[in-house]
Amino acid sequence: MIEKWAFSEGAPPVSAEEAVDELGRRIADGELESWLTSSLGRSLAVVTNTERAMVMLLDGEDDPGEHASDPGAEDWSDGFILENGQSDEYPDEDTVLLGEAFRIVRHILTHGIPPTDAAWTADR
């Protein structure tokens, strides 16, 4: 079965490019937390401060998942606004630049896995 991704349950599936375009629109509108769900029960989250993004891939509802990382980054970034209004701060080593986040999202939606050259941290 080919995995399909959508922004919400019951919404039409989106291609990798459509997903990245929609993420860009959402970010421009100030919506900094977005979730995609797959036809196989996985979830992909992108939480951004418009410069960096936390990109998380979860295999199911109770899965702690895994996330994109930036090994060696030493600073912290704030301004990651969640849907409930909470403002989070993350170490830069647990986030990636927004352009890299978009590249990772494209790859996951196209191939089902993160790019092999992207740093990735399992939280399991």
PDB file of N, CA and C in Angstrom:
ATOM      1  N   MET A   1       0.831  -1.185   0.000  1.00  0.00           N
ATOM      2  CA  MET A   1       0.000   0.000   0.000  1.00  0.00           C
ATOM      3  C   MET A   1       0.879   1.252   0.000  1.00  0.00           C
ATOM      4  N   ILE A   2       0.570   2.177  -0.846  1.00  0.00           N
ATOM      5  CA  ILE A   2       1.293   3.443  -0.914  1.00  0.00           C
ATOM      6  C   ILE A   2       0.761   4.362   0.179  1.00  0.00           C
ATOM      7  N   GLU A   3       1.682   4.901   0.965  1.00  0.00           N
ATOM      8  CA  GLU A   3       1.306   5.798   2.052  1.00  0.00           C
ATOM      9  C   GLU A   3       0.892   7.152   1.488  1.00  0.00           C
ATOM     10  N   LYS A   4      -0.228   7.656   1.989  1.00  0.00           N
ATOM     11  CA  LYS A   4      -0.721   8.971   1.588  1.00  0.00           C
ATOM     12  C   LYS A   4      -0.780   9.848   2.826  1.00  0.00           C
ATOM     13  N   TRP A   5      -0.535  11.149   2.645  1.00  0.00           N
ATOM     14  CA  TRP A   5      -0.486  12.087   3.756  1.00  0.00           C
ATOM     15  C   TRP A   5      -1.515  13.191   3.565  1.00  0.00           C
ATOM     16  N   ALA A   6      -2.109  13.641   4.675  1.00  0.00           N
ATOM     17  CA  ALA A   6      -3.079  14.736   4.653  1.00  0.00           C
ATOM     18  C   ALA A   6      -2.883  15.596   5.898  1.00  0.00           C
ATOM     19  N   PHE A   7      -3.357  16.835   5.840  1.00  0.00           N
ATOM     20  CA  PHE A   7      -3.224  17.742   6.965  1.00  0.00           C
ATOM     21  C   PHE A   7      -4.241  17.483   8.071  1.00  0.00           C
ATOM     22  N   SER A   8      -5.308  16.780   7.772  1.00  0.00           N
ATOM     23  CA  SER A   8      -6.258  16.425   8.818  1.00  0.00           C
ATOM     24  C   SER A   8      -7.037  15.205   8.361  1.00  0.00           C
ATOM     25  N   GLU A   9      -7.595  14.506   9.347  1.00  0.00           N
ATOM     26  CA  GLU A   9      -8.379  13.326   9.036  1.00  0.00           C
ATOM     27  C   GLU A   9      -9.547  13.697   8.147  1.00  0.00           C
ATOM     28  N   GLY A  10      -9.724  12.960   7.078  1.00  0.00           N
ATOM     29  CA  GLY A  10     -10.817  13.227   6.154  1.00  0.00           C
ATOM     30  C   GLY A  10     -10.470  14.222   5.056  1.00  0.00           C
ATOM     31  N   ALA A  11      -9.334  14.921   5.207  1.00  0.00           N
ATOM     32  CA  ALA A  11      -8.897  15.873   4.171  1.00  0.00           C
ATOM     33  C   ALA A  11      -8.278  15.094   3.011  1.00  0.00           C
ATOM     34  N   PRO A  12      -8.283  15.676   1.827  1.00  0.00           N
ATOM     35  CA  PRO A  12      -7.675  14.977   0.696  1.00  0.00           C
ATOM     36  C   PRO A  12      -6.169  14.856   0.881  1.00  0.00           C
ATOM     37  N   PRO A  13      -5.584  13.774   0.369  1.00  0.00           N
ATOM     38  CA  PRO A  13      -4.134  13.621   0.457  1.00  0.00           C
ATOM     39  C   PRO A  13      -3.424  14.730  -0.317  1.00  0.00           C
ATOM     40  N   VAL A  14      -2.212  15.037   0.124  1.00  0.00           N
ATOM     41  CA  VAL A  14      -1.403  16.058  -0.539  1.00  0.00           C
ATOM     42  C   VAL A  14      -0.101  15.441  -1.021  1.00  0.00           C
ATOM     43  N   SER A  15       0.421  15.981  -2.106  1.00  0.00           N
ATOM     44  CA  SER A  15       1.741  15.575  -2.585  1.00  0.00           C
ATOM     45  C   SER A  15       2.790  16.244  -1.706  1.00  0.00           C
ATOM     46  N   ALA A  16       4.021  15.840  -1.871  1.00  0.00           N
ATOM     47  CA  ALA A  16       5.109  16.441  -1.103  1.00  0.00           C
ATOM     48  C   ALA A  16       5.205  17.939  -1.370  1.00  0.00           C
ATOM     49  N   GLU A  17       5.107  18.334  -2.626  1.00  0.00           N
ATOM     50  CA  GLU A  17       5.193  19.761  -2.962  1.00  0.00           C
ATOM     51  C   GLU A  17       3.999  20.544  -2.427  1.00  0.00           C
ATOM     52  N   GLU A  18       2.804  19.952  -2.521  1.00  0.00           N
ATOM     53  CA  GLU A  18       1.617  20.614  -1.975  1.00  0.00           C
ATOM     54  C   GLU A  18       1.744  20.799  -0.468  1.00  0.00           C
ATOM     55  N   ALA A  19       2.305  19.796   0.202  1.00  0.00           N
ATOM     56  CA  ALA A  19       2.486  19.885   1.649  1.00  0.00           C
ATOM     57  C   ALA A  19       3.438  21.015   2.016  1.00  0.00           C
ATOM     58  N   VAL A  20       4.554  21.110   1.317  1.00  0.00           N
ATOM     59  CA  VAL A  20       5.528  22.170   1.610  1.00  0.00           C
ATOM     60  C   VAL A  20       4.925  23.540   1.287  1.00  0.00           C
ATOM     61  N   ASP A  21       4.195  23.648   0.189  1.00  0.00           N
ATOM     62  CA  ASP A  21       3.526  24.916  -0.140  1.00  0.00           C
ATOM     63  C   ASP A  21       2.544  25.308   0.963  1.00  0.00           C
ATOM     64  N   GLU A  22       1.773  24.330   1.436  1.00  0.00           N
ATOM     65  CA  GLU A  22       0.799  24.598   2.500  1.00  0.00           C
ATOM     66  C   GLU A  22       1.510  24.980   3.798  1.00  0.00           C
ATOM     67  N   LEU A  23       2.598  24.308   4.124  1.00  0.00           N
ATOM     68  CA  LEU A  23       3.370  24.677   5.315  1.00  0.00           C
ATOM     69  C   LEU A  23       3.844  26.130   5.204  1.00  0.00           C
ATOM     70  N   GLY A  24       4.327  26.517   4.034  1.00  0.00           N
ATOM     71  CA  GLY A  24       4.762  27.891   3.818  1.00  0.00           C
ATOM     72  C   GLY A  24       3.634  28.888   4.020  1.00  0.00           C
ATOM     73  N   ARG A  25       2.445  28.560   3.510  1.00  0.00           N
ATOM     74  CA  ARG A  25       1.280  29.437   3.691  1.00  0.00           C
ATOM     75  C   ARG A  25       0.905  29.539   5.167  1.00  0.00           C
ATOM     76  N   ARG A  26       0.896  28.409   5.837  1.00  0.00           N
ATOM     77  CA  ARG A  26       0.542  28.408   7.254  1.00  0.00           C
ATOM     78  C   ARG A  26       1.523  29.250   8.065  1.00  0.00           C
ATOM     79  N   ILE A  27       2.788  29.088   7.795  1.00  0.00           N
ATOM     80  CA  ILE A  27       3.810  29.852   8.520  1.00  0.00           C
ATOM     81  C   ILE A  27       3.644  31.339   8.249  1.00  0.00           C
ATOM     82  N   ALA A  28       3.404  31.705   6.995  1.00  0.00           N
ATOM     83  CA  ALA A  28       3.200  33.117   6.649  1.00  0.00           C
ATOM     84  C   ALA A  28       1.977  33.690   7.374  1.00  0.00           C
ATOM     85  N   ASP A  29       0.985  32.833   7.652  1.00  0.00           N
ATOM     86  CA  ASP A  29      -0.218  33.262   8.362  1.00  0.00           C
ATOM     87  C   ASP A  29      -0.064  33.188   9.879  1.00  0.00           C
ATOM     88  N   GLY A  30       1.126  32.822  10.347  1.00  0.00           N
ATOM     89  CA  GLY A  30       1.374  32.750  11.785  1.00  0.00           C
ATOM     90  C   GLY A  30       0.982  31.438  12.439  1.00  0.00           C
ATOM     91  N   GLU A  31       0.636  30.442  11.635  1.00  0.00           N
ATOM     92  CA  GLU A  31       0.297  29.119  12.163  1.00  0.00           C
ATOM     93  C   GLU A  31       1.586  28.305  12.173  1.00  0.00           C
ATOM     94  N   LEU A  32       2.224  28.211  13.344  1.00  0.00           N
ATOM     95  CA  LEU A  32       3.584  27.679  13.426  1.00  0.00           C
ATOM     96  C   LEU A  32       3.656  26.214  13.807  1.00  0.00           C
ATOM     97  N   GLU A  33       2.525  25.581  14.092  1.00  0.00           N
ATOM     98  CA  GLU A  33       2.479  24.142  14.370  1.00  0.00           C
ATOM     99  C   GLU A  33       1.568  23.475  13.351  1.00  0.00           C
ATOM    100  N   SER A  34       2.092  22.493  12.637  1.00  0.00           N
ATOM    101  CA  SER A  34       1.290  21.760  11.652  1.00  0.00           C
ATOM    102  C   SER A  34       1.549  20.271  11.796  1.00  0.00           C
ATOM    103  N   TRP A  35       0.501  19.495  11.594  1.00  0.00           N
ATOM    104  CA  TRP A  35       0.585  18.035  11.644  1.00  0.00           C
ATOM    105  C   TRP A  35       0.031  17.450  10.357  1.00  0.00           C
ATOM    106  N   LEU A  36       0.729  16.456   9.851  1.00  0.00           N
ATOM    107  CA  LEU A  36       0.232  15.651   8.747  1.00  0.00           C
ATOM    108  C   LEU A  36       0.022  14.240   9.284  1.00  0.00           C
ATOM    109  N   THR A  37      -1.026  13.581   8.817  1.00  0.00           N
ATOM    110  CA  THR A  37      -1.268  12.196   9.203  1.00  0.00           C
ATOM    111  C   THR A  37      -1.235  11.333   7.949  1.00  0.00           C
ATOM    112  N   SER A  38      -0.754  10.108   8.131  1.00  0.00           N
ATOM    113  CA  SER A  38      -0.636   9.229   6.974  1.00  0.00           C
ATOM    114  C   SER A  38      -1.708   8.153   6.994  1.00  0.00           C
ATOM    115  N   SER A  39      -1.915   7.571   5.840  1.00  0.00           N
ATOM    116  CA  SER A  39      -2.892   6.496   5.695  1.00  0.00           C
ATOM    117  C   SER A  39      -2.453   5.243   6.445  1.00  0.00           C
ATOM    118  N   LEU A  40      -1.202   5.208   6.914  1.00  0.00           N
ATOM    119  CA  LEU A  40      -0.689   4.069   7.675  1.00  0.00           C
ATOM    120  C   LEU A  40      -0.653   4.355   9.174  1.00  0.00           C
ATOM    121  N   GLY A  41      -1.234   5.481   9.581  1.00  0.00           N
ATOM    122  CA  GLY A  41      -1.320   5.799  11.001  1.00  0.00           C
ATOM    123  C   GLY A  41      -0.144   6.572  11.574  1.00  0.00           C
ATOM    124  N   ARG A  42       0.775   6.984  10.724  1.00  0.00           N
ATOM    125  CA  ARG A  42       1.907   7.775  11.216  1.00  0.00           C
ATOM    126  C   ARG A  42       1.544   9.256  11.233  1.00  0.00           C
ATOM    127  N   SER A  43       2.328  10.032  12.003  1.00  0.00           N
ATOM    128  CA  SER A  43       2.140  11.479  12.078  1.00  0.00           C
ATOM    129  C   SER A  43       3.465  12.174  11.850  1.00  0.00           C
ATOM    130  N   LEU A  44       3.395  13.320  11.208  1.00  0.00           N
ATOM    131  CA  LEU A  44       4.570  14.155  10.955  1.00  0.00           C
ATOM    132  C   LEU A  44       4.237  15.559  11.435  1.00  0.00           C
ATOM    133  N   ALA A  45       5.028  16.052  12.374  1.00  0.00           N
ATOM    134  CA  ALA A  45       4.799  17.386  12.933  1.00  0.00           C
ATOM    135  C   ALA A  45       5.908  18.326  12.506  1.00  0.00           C
ATOM    136  N   VAL A  46       5.527  19.573  12.244  1.00  0.00           N
ATOM    137  CA  VAL A  46       6.487  20.643  11.977  1.00  0.00           C
ATOM    138  C   VAL A  46       6.076  21.811  12.869  1.00  0.00           C
ATOM    139  N   VAL A  47       6.966  22.161  13.800  1.00  0.00           N
ATOM    140  CA  VAL A  47       6.761  23.311  14.677  1.00  0.00           C
ATOM    141  C   VAL A  47       7.925  24.250  14.419  1.00  0.00           C
ATOM    142  N   THR A  48       7.627  25.501  14.096  1.00  0.00           N
ATOM    143  CA  THR A  48       8.677  26.417  13.677  1.00  0.00           C
ATOM    144  C   THR A  48       8.590  27.763  14.396  1.00  0.00           C
ATOM    145  N   ASN A  49       9.692  28.468  14.378  1.00  0.00           N
ATOM    146  CA  ASN A  49       9.716  29.871  14.823  1.00  0.00           C
ATOM    147  C   ASN A  49       9.973  30.773  13.618  1.00  0.00           C
ATOM    148  N   THR A  50       9.786  30.255  12.437  1.00  0.00           N
ATOM    149  CA  THR A  50       9.971  30.846  11.108  1.00  0.00           C
ATOM    150  C   THR A  50      11.427  30.816  10.641  1.00  0.00           C
ATOM    151  N   GLU A  51      12.367  30.477  11.503  1.00  0.00           N
ATOM    152  CA  GLU A  51      13.774  30.326  11.108  1.00  0.00           C
ATOM    153  C   GLU A  51      14.241  28.882  11.226  1.00  0.00           C
ATOM    154  N   ARG A  52      13.862  28.244  12.323  1.00  0.00           N
ATOM    155  CA  ARG A  52      14.226  26.858  12.575  1.00  0.00           C
ATOM    156  C   ARG A  52      12.938  26.074  12.777  1.00  0.00           C
ATOM    157  N   ALA A  53      13.030  24.737  12.671  1.00  0.00           N
ATOM    158  CA  ALA A  53      11.840  23.909  12.853  1.00  0.00           C
ATOM    159  C   ALA A  53      12.185  22.620  13.569  1.00  0.00           C
ATOM    160  N   MET A  54      11.262  22.208  14.414  1.00  0.00           N
ATOM    161  CA  MET A  54      11.284  20.877  15.018  1.00  0.00           C
ATOM    162  C   MET A  54      10.459  20.009  14.081  1.00  0.00           C
ATOM    163  N   VAL A  55      11.066  18.974  13.524  1.00  0.00           N
ATOM    164  CA  VAL A  55      10.376  18.055  12.613  1.00  0.00           C
ATOM    165  C   VAL A  55      10.350  16.696  13.298  1.00  0.00           C
ATOM    166  N   MET A  56       9.152  16.208  13.634  1.00  0.00           N
ATOM    167  CA  MET A  56       9.000  14.951  14.358  1.00  0.00           C
ATOM    168  C   MET A  56       8.193  13.959  13.534  1.00  0.00           C
ATOM    169  N   LEU A  57       8.633  12.708  13.550  1.00  0.00           N
ATOM    170  CA  LEU A  57       7.929  11.626  12.873  1.00  0.00           C
ATOM    171  C   LEU A  57       7.543  10.593  13.928  1.00  0.00           C
ATOM    172  N   LEU A  58       6.255  10.292  14.021  1.00  0.00           N
ATOM    173  CA  LEU A  58       5.752   9.337  15.003  1.00  0.00           C
ATOM    174  C   LEU A  58       5.086   8.181  14.276  1.00  0.00           C
ATOM    175  N   ASP A  59       5.350   6.965  14.751  1.00  0.00           N
ATOM    176  CA  ASP A  59       4.779   5.780  14.108  1.00  0.00           C
ATOM    177  C   ASP A  59       3.349   5.495  14.536  1.00  0.00           C
ATOM    178  N   GLY A  60       2.891   6.113  15.591  1.00  0.00           N
ATOM    179  CA  GLY A  60       1.532   5.908  16.070  1.00  0.00           C
ATOM    180  C   GLY A  60       1.249   6.848  17.216  1.00  0.00           C
ATOM    181  N   GLU A  61       0.055   6.736  17.768  1.00  0.00           N
ATOM    182  CA  GLU A  61      -0.410   7.662  18.789  1.00  0.00           C
ATOM    183  C   GLU A  61       0.465   7.685  20.041  1.00  0.00           C
ATOM    184  N   ASP A  62       0.938   6.537  20.501  1.00  0.00           N
ATOM    185  CA  ASP A  62       1.726   6.468  21.731  1.00  0.00           C
ATOM    186  C   ASP A  62       3.228   6.422  21.485  1.00  0.00           C
ATOM    187  N   ASP A  63       3.647   6.570  20.261  1.00  0.00           N
ATOM    188  CA  ASP A  63       5.066   6.508  19.922  1.00  0.00           C
ATOM    189  C   ASP A  63       5.758   7.825  20.273  1.00  0.00           C
ATOM    190  N   PRO A  64       6.863   7.776  21.037  1.00  0.00           N
ATOM    191  CA  PRO A  64       7.607   9.009  21.316  1.00  0.00           C
ATOM    192  C   PRO A  64       8.295   9.562  20.070  1.00  0.00           C
ATOM    193  N   GLY A  65       8.460   8.722  19.056  1.00  0.00           N
ATOM    194  CA  GLY A  65       8.935   9.177  17.755  1.00  0.00           C
ATOM    195  C   GLY A  65      10.409   9.423  17.631  1.00  0.00           C
ATOM    196  N   GLU A  66      10.704  10.229  16.634  1.00  0.00           N
ATOM    197  CA  GLU A  66      12.061  10.609  16.291  1.00  0.00           C
ATOM    198  C   GLU A  66      11.998  11.997  15.673  1.00  0.00           C
ATOM    199  N   HIS A  67      13.150  12.682  15.645  1.00  0.00           N
ATOM    200  CA  HIS A  67      13.122  14.047  15.114  1.00  0.00           C
ATOM    201  C   HIS A  67      14.406  14.395  14.384  1.00  0.00           C
ATOM    202  N   ALA A  68      14.289  15.370  13.500  1.00  0.00           N
ATOM    203  CA  ALA A  68      15.448  15.888  12.781  1.00  0.00           C
ATOM    204  C   ALA A  68      16.331  16.625  13.776  1.00  0.00           C
ATOM    205  N   SER A  69      17.634  16.578  13.549  1.00  0.00           N
ATOM    206  CA  SER A  69      18.548  17.242  14.470  1.00  0.00           C
ATOM    207  C   SER A  69      19.674  17.928  13.712  1.00  0.00           C
ATOM    208  N   ASP A  70      20.393  18.744  14.460  1.00  0.00           N
ATOM    209  CA  ASP A  70      21.502  19.528  13.916  1.00  0.00           C
ATOM    210  C   ASP A  70      22.693  19.355  14.868  1.00  0.00           C
ATOM    211  N   PRO A  71      23.373  18.197  14.776  1.00  0.00           N
ATOM    212  CA  PRO A  71      24.460  17.908  15.708  1.00  0.00           C
ATOM    213  C   PRO A  71      25.513  19.024  15.704  1.00  0.00           C
ATOM    214  N   GLY A  72      25.942  19.383  16.884  1.00  0.00           N
ATOM    215  CA  GLY A  72      26.962  20.415  16.994  1.00  0.00           C
ATOM    216  C   GLY A  72      26.413  21.815  17.175  1.00  0.00           C
ATOM    217  N   ALA A  73      25.128  22.025  16.892  1.00  0.00           N
ATOM    218  CA  ALA A  73      24.540  23.346  17.116  1.00  0.00           C
ATOM    219  C   ALA A  73      24.512  23.589  18.620  1.00  0.00           C
ATOM    220  N   GLU A  74      24.894  24.768  19.036  1.00  0.00           N
ATOM    221  CA  GLU A  74      25.073  25.018  20.466  1.00  0.00           C
ATOM    222  C   GLU A  74      24.079  25.981  21.081  1.00  0.00           C
ATOM    223  N   ASP A  75      23.376  26.749  20.319  1.00  0.00           N
ATOM    224  CA  ASP A  75      22.463  27.747  20.870  1.00  0.00           C
ATOM    225  C   ASP A  75      21.088  27.155  21.148  1.00  0.00           C
ATOM    226  N   TRP A  76      20.217  27.992  21.664  1.00  0.00           N
ATOM    227  CA  TRP A  76      18.808  27.683  21.876  1.00  0.00           C
ATOM    228  C   TRP A  76      17.999  28.698  21.085  1.00  0.00           C
ATOM    229  N   SER A  77      16.826  28.297  20.620  1.00  0.00           N
ATOM    230  CA  SER A  77      15.936  29.213  19.917  1.00  0.00           C
ATOM    231  C   SER A  77      14.563  29.147  20.570  1.00  0.00           C
ATOM    232  N   ASP A  78      13.899  30.298  20.629  1.00  0.00           N
ATOM    233  CA  ASP A  78      12.559  30.343  21.188  1.00  0.00           C
ATOM    234  C   ASP A  78      11.576  30.770  20.111  1.00  0.00           C
ATOM    235  N   GLY A  79      10.334  30.978  20.504  1.00  0.00           N
ATOM    236  CA  GLY A  79       9.318  31.439  19.555  1.00  0.00           C
ATOM    237  C   GLY A  79       8.612  30.331  18.806  1.00  0.00           C
ATOM    238  N   PHE A  80       8.739  29.082  19.277  1.00  0.00           N
ATOM    239  CA  PHE A  80       8.018  27.969  18.664  1.00  0.00           C
ATOM    240  C   PHE A  80       6.625  27.953  19.289  1.00  0.00           C
ATOM    241  N   ILE A  81       5.659  28.557  18.603  1.00  0.00           N
ATOM    242  CA  ILE A  81       4.314  28.738  19.147  1.00  0.00           C
ATOM    243  C   ILE A  81       3.439  27.549  18.771  1.00  0.00           C
ATOM    244  N   LEU A  82       2.959  26.861  19.792  1.00  0.00           N
ATOM    245  CA  LEU A  82       2.097  25.712  19.576  1.00  0.00           C
ATOM    246  C   LEU A  82       0.662  26.157  19.347  1.00  0.00           C
ATOM    247  N   GLU A  83      -0.140  25.251  18.829  1.00  0.00           N
ATOM    248  CA  GLU A  83      -1.542  25.532  18.507  1.00  0.00           C
ATOM    249  C   GLU A  83      -2.314  26.059  19.723  1.00  0.00           C
ATOM    250  N   ASN A  84      -1.955  25.595  20.928  1.00  0.00           N
ATOM    251  CA  ASN A  84      -2.656  26.016  22.140  1.00  0.00           C
ATOM    252  C   ASN A  84      -2.141  27.347  22.696  1.00  0.00           C
ATOM    253  N   GLY A  85      -1.212  27.988  21.976  1.00  0.00           N
ATOM    254  CA  GLY A  85      -0.672  29.276  22.391  1.00  0.00           C
ATOM    255  C   GLY A  85       0.611  29.197  23.192  1.00  0.00           C
ATOM    256  N   GLN A  86       0.986  28.000  23.608  1.00  0.00           N
ATOM    257  CA  GLN A  86       2.225  27.815  24.367  1.00  0.00           C
ATOM    258  C   GLN A  86       3.426  28.172  23.506  1.00  0.00           C
ATOM    259  N   SER A  87       4.380  28.895  24.090  1.00  0.00           N
ATOM    260  CA  SER A  87       5.605  29.262  23.383  1.00  0.00           C
ATOM    261  C   SER A  87       6.739  28.398  23.912  1.00  0.00           C
ATOM    262  N   ASP A  88       7.335  27.598  23.038  1.00  0.00           N
ATOM    263  CA  ASP A  88       8.412  26.690  23.435  1.00  0.00           C
ATOM    264  C   ASP A  88       9.768  27.208  23.004  1.00  0.00           C
ATOM    265  N   GLU A  89      10.780  26.696  23.664  1.00  0.00           N
ATOM    266  CA  GLU A  89      12.179  26.966  23.360  1.00  0.00           C
ATOM    267  C   GLU A  89      12.859  25.605  23.225  1.00  0.00           C
ATOM    268  N   TYR A  90      13.695  25.463  22.187  1.00  0.00           N
ATOM    269  CA  TYR A  90      14.382  24.195  21.951  1.00  0.00           C
ATOM    270  C   TYR A  90      15.872  24.435  21.730  1.00  0.00           C
ATOM    271  N   PRO A  91      16.691  23.465  22.114  1.00  0.00           N
ATOM    272  CA  PRO A  91      18.102  23.554  21.727  1.00  0.00           C
ATOM    273  C   PRO A  91      18.194  23.467  20.202  1.00  0.00           C
ATOM    274  N   ASP A  92      19.064  24.260  19.610  1.00  0.00           N
ATOM    275  CA  ASP A  92      19.207  24.226  18.150  1.00  0.00           C
ATOM    276  C   ASP A  92      19.617  22.845  17.647  1.00  0.00           C
ATOM    277  N   GLU A  93      20.264  22.050  18.479  1.00  0.00           N
ATOM    278  CA  GLU A  93      20.652  20.707  18.043  1.00  0.00           C
ATOM    279  C   GLU A  93      19.425  19.812  17.840  1.00  0.00           C
ATOM    280  N   ASP A  94      18.262  20.197  18.380  1.00  0.00           N
ATOM    281  CA  ASP A  94      17.027  19.429  18.194  1.00  0.00           C
ATOM    282  C   ASP A  94      16.113  20.020  17.136  1.00  0.00           C
ATOM    283  N   THR A  95      16.599  21.018  16.414  1.00  0.00           N
ATOM    284  CA  THR A  95      15.838  21.642  15.338  1.00  0.00           C
ATOM    285  C   THR A  95      16.738  21.777  14.116  1.00  0.00           C
ATOM    286  N   VAL A  96      16.135  22.133  12.997  1.00  0.00           N
ATOM    287  CA  VAL A  96      16.893  22.366  11.760  1.00  0.00           C
ATOM    288  C   VAL A  96      16.424  23.677  11.144  1.00  0.00           C
ATOM    289  N   LEU A  97      17.232  24.233  10.269  1.00  0.00           N
ATOM    290  CA  LEU A  97      16.809  25.428   9.548  1.00  0.00           C
ATOM    291  C   LEU A  97      15.554  25.115   8.737  1.00  0.00           C
ATOM    292  N   LEU A  98      14.716  26.105   8.535  1.00  0.00           N
ATOM    293  CA  LEU A  98      13.418  25.894   7.895  1.00  0.00           C
ATOM    294  C   LEU A  98      13.549  25.263   6.504  1.00  0.00           C
ATOM    295  N   GLY A  99      14.505  25.702   5.714  1.00  0.00           N
ATOM    296  CA  GLY A  99      14.701  25.103   4.386  1.00  0.00           C
ATOM    297  C   GLY A  99      15.025  23.618   4.471  1.00  0.00           C
ATOM    298  N   GLU A 100      15.825  23.239   5.452  1.00  0.00           N
ATOM    299  CA  GLU A 100      16.144  21.826   5.663  1.00  0.00           C
ATOM    300  C   GLU A 100      14.893  21.076   6.115  1.00  0.00           C
ATOM    301  N   ALA A 101      14.081  21.698   6.943  1.00  0.00           N
ATOM    302  CA  ALA A 101      12.829  21.065   7.371  1.00  0.00           C
ATOM    303  C   ALA A 101      11.942  20.757   6.168  1.00  0.00           C
ATOM    304  N   PHE A 102      11.830  21.705   5.263  1.00  0.00           N
ATOM    305  CA  PHE A 102      11.019  21.483   4.060  1.00  0.00           C
ATOM    306  C   PHE A 102      11.594  20.340   3.219  1.00  0.00           C
ATOM    307  N   ARG A 103      12.910  20.273   3.097  1.00  0.00           N
ATOM    308  CA  ARG A 103      13.552  19.189   2.339  1.00  0.00           C
ATOM    309  C   ARG A 103      13.238  17.838   2.981  1.00  0.00           C
ATOM    310  N   ILE A 104      13.306  17.787   4.311  1.00  0.00           N
ATOM    311  CA  ILE A 104      13.026  16.549   5.034  1.00  0.00           C
ATOM    312  C   ILE A 104      11.564  16.144   4.856  1.00  0.00           C
ATOM    313  N   VAL A 105      10.647  17.095   4.967  1.00  0.00           N
ATOM    314  CA  VAL A 105       9.220  16.800   4.784  1.00  0.00           C
ATOM    315  C   VAL A 105       8.980  16.258   3.377  1.00  0.00           C
ATOM    316  N   ARG A 106       9.546  16.905   2.371  1.00  0.00           N
ATOM    317  CA  ARG A 106       9.383  16.418   0.988  1.00  0.00           C
ATOM    318  C   ARG A 106       9.829  14.962   0.877  1.00  0.00           C
ATOM    319  N   HIS A 107      10.980  14.656   1.444  1.00  0.00           N
ATOM    320  CA  HIS A 107      11.547  13.317   1.329  1.00  0.00           C
ATOM    321  C   HIS A 107      10.691  12.285   2.054  1.00  0.00           C
ATOM    322  N   ILE A 108      10.248  12.611   3.263  1.00  0.00           N
ATOM    323  CA  ILE A 108       9.414  11.672   4.011  1.00  0.00           C
ATOM    324  C   ILE A 108       8.109  11.411   3.266  1.00  0.00           C
ATOM    325  N   LEU A 109       7.483  12.435   2.742  1.00  0.00           N
ATOM    326  CA  LEU A 109       6.224  12.246   2.032  1.00  0.00           C
ATOM    327  C   LEU A 109       6.405  11.493   0.717  1.00  0.00           C
ATOM    328  N   THR A 110       7.568  11.608   0.118  1.00  0.00           N
ATOM    329  CA  THR A 110       7.844  10.919  -1.144  1.00  0.00           C
ATOM    330  C   THR A 110       8.345   9.490  -0.930  1.00  0.00           C
ATOM    331  N   HIS A 111       9.230   9.302   0.062  1.00  0.00           N
ATOM    332  CA  HIS A 111       9.910   8.014   0.232  1.00  0.00           C
ATOM    333  C   HIS A 111       9.556   7.271   1.519  1.00  0.00           C
ATOM    334  N   GLY A 112       8.848   7.926   2.427  1.00  0.00           N
ATOM    335  CA  GLY A 112       8.440   7.279   3.670  1.00  0.00           C
ATOM    336  C   GLY A 112       9.460   7.323   4.786  1.00  0.00           C
ATOM    337  N   ILE A 113      10.645   7.814   4.485  1.00  0.00           N
ATOM    338  CA  ILE A 113      11.713   7.883   5.476  1.00  0.00           C
ATOM    339  C   ILE A 113      12.452   9.213   5.323  1.00  0.00           C
ATOM    340  N   PRO A 114      13.164   9.635   6.368  1.00  0.00           N
ATOM    341  CA  PRO A 114      13.972  10.853   6.241  1.00  0.00           C
ATOM    342  C   PRO A 114      15.114  10.632   5.249  1.00  0.00           C
ATOM    343  N   PRO A 115      15.652  11.697   4.680  1.00  0.00           N
ATOM    344  CA  PRO A 115      16.802  11.549   3.787  1.00  0.00           C
ATOM    345  C   PRO A 115      17.981  10.936   4.547  1.00  0.00           C
ATOM    346  N   THR A 116      18.740  10.116   3.885  1.00  0.00           N
ATOM    347  CA  THR A 116      19.865   9.449   4.556  1.00  0.00           C
ATOM    348  C   THR A 116      20.945  10.428   4.999  1.00  0.00           C
ATOM    349  N   ASP A 117      21.002  11.596   4.380  1.00  0.00           N
ATOM    350  CA  ASP A 117      22.028  12.572   4.764  1.00  0.00           C
ATOM    351  C   ASP A 117      21.523  13.566   5.810  1.00  0.00           C
ATOM    352  N   ALA A 118      20.317  13.372   6.310  1.00  0.00           N
ATOM    353  CA  ALA A 118      19.771  14.256   7.353  1.00  0.00           C
ATOM    354  C   ALA A 118      20.061  13.634   8.711  1.00  0.00           C
ATOM    355  N   ALA A 119      20.543  14.446   9.649  1.00  0.00           N
ATOM    356  CA  ALA A 119      20.754  13.943  11.007  1.00  0.00           C
ATOM    357  C   ALA A 119      19.402  13.669  11.645  1.00  0.00           C
ATOM    358  N   TRP A 120      19.313  12.566  12.377  1.00  0.00           N
ATOM    359  CA  TRP A 120      18.030  12.118  12.890  1.00  0.00           C
ATOM    360  C   TRP A 120      18.240  11.504  14.268  1.00  0.00           C
ATOM    361  N   THR A 121      17.367  11.835  15.207  1.00  0.00           N
ATOM    362  CA  THR A 121      17.481  11.358  16.582  1.00  0.00           C
ATOM    363  C   THR A 121      16.230  10.600  16.971  1.00  0.00           C
ATOM    364  N   ALA A 122      16.411   9.352  17.432  1.00  0.00           N
ATOM    365  CA  ALA A 122      15.265   8.557  17.908  1.00  0.00           C
ATOM    366  C   ALA A 122      14.987   8.924  19.352  1.00  0.00           C
ATOM    367  N   ASP A 123      13.723   9.131  19.685  1.00  0.00           N
ATOM    368  CA  ASP A 123      13.313   9.454  21.041  1.00  0.00           C
ATOM    369  C   ASP A 123      12.694   8.238  21.741  1.00  0.00           C
ATOM    370  N   ARG A 124      12.780   7.104  21.112  1.00  0.00           N
ATOM    371  CA  ARG A 124      12.196   5.868  21.656  1.00  0.00           C
ATOM    372  C   ARG A 124      13.068   5.305  22.749  1.00  0.00           C
TER     373      ARG A 124
END
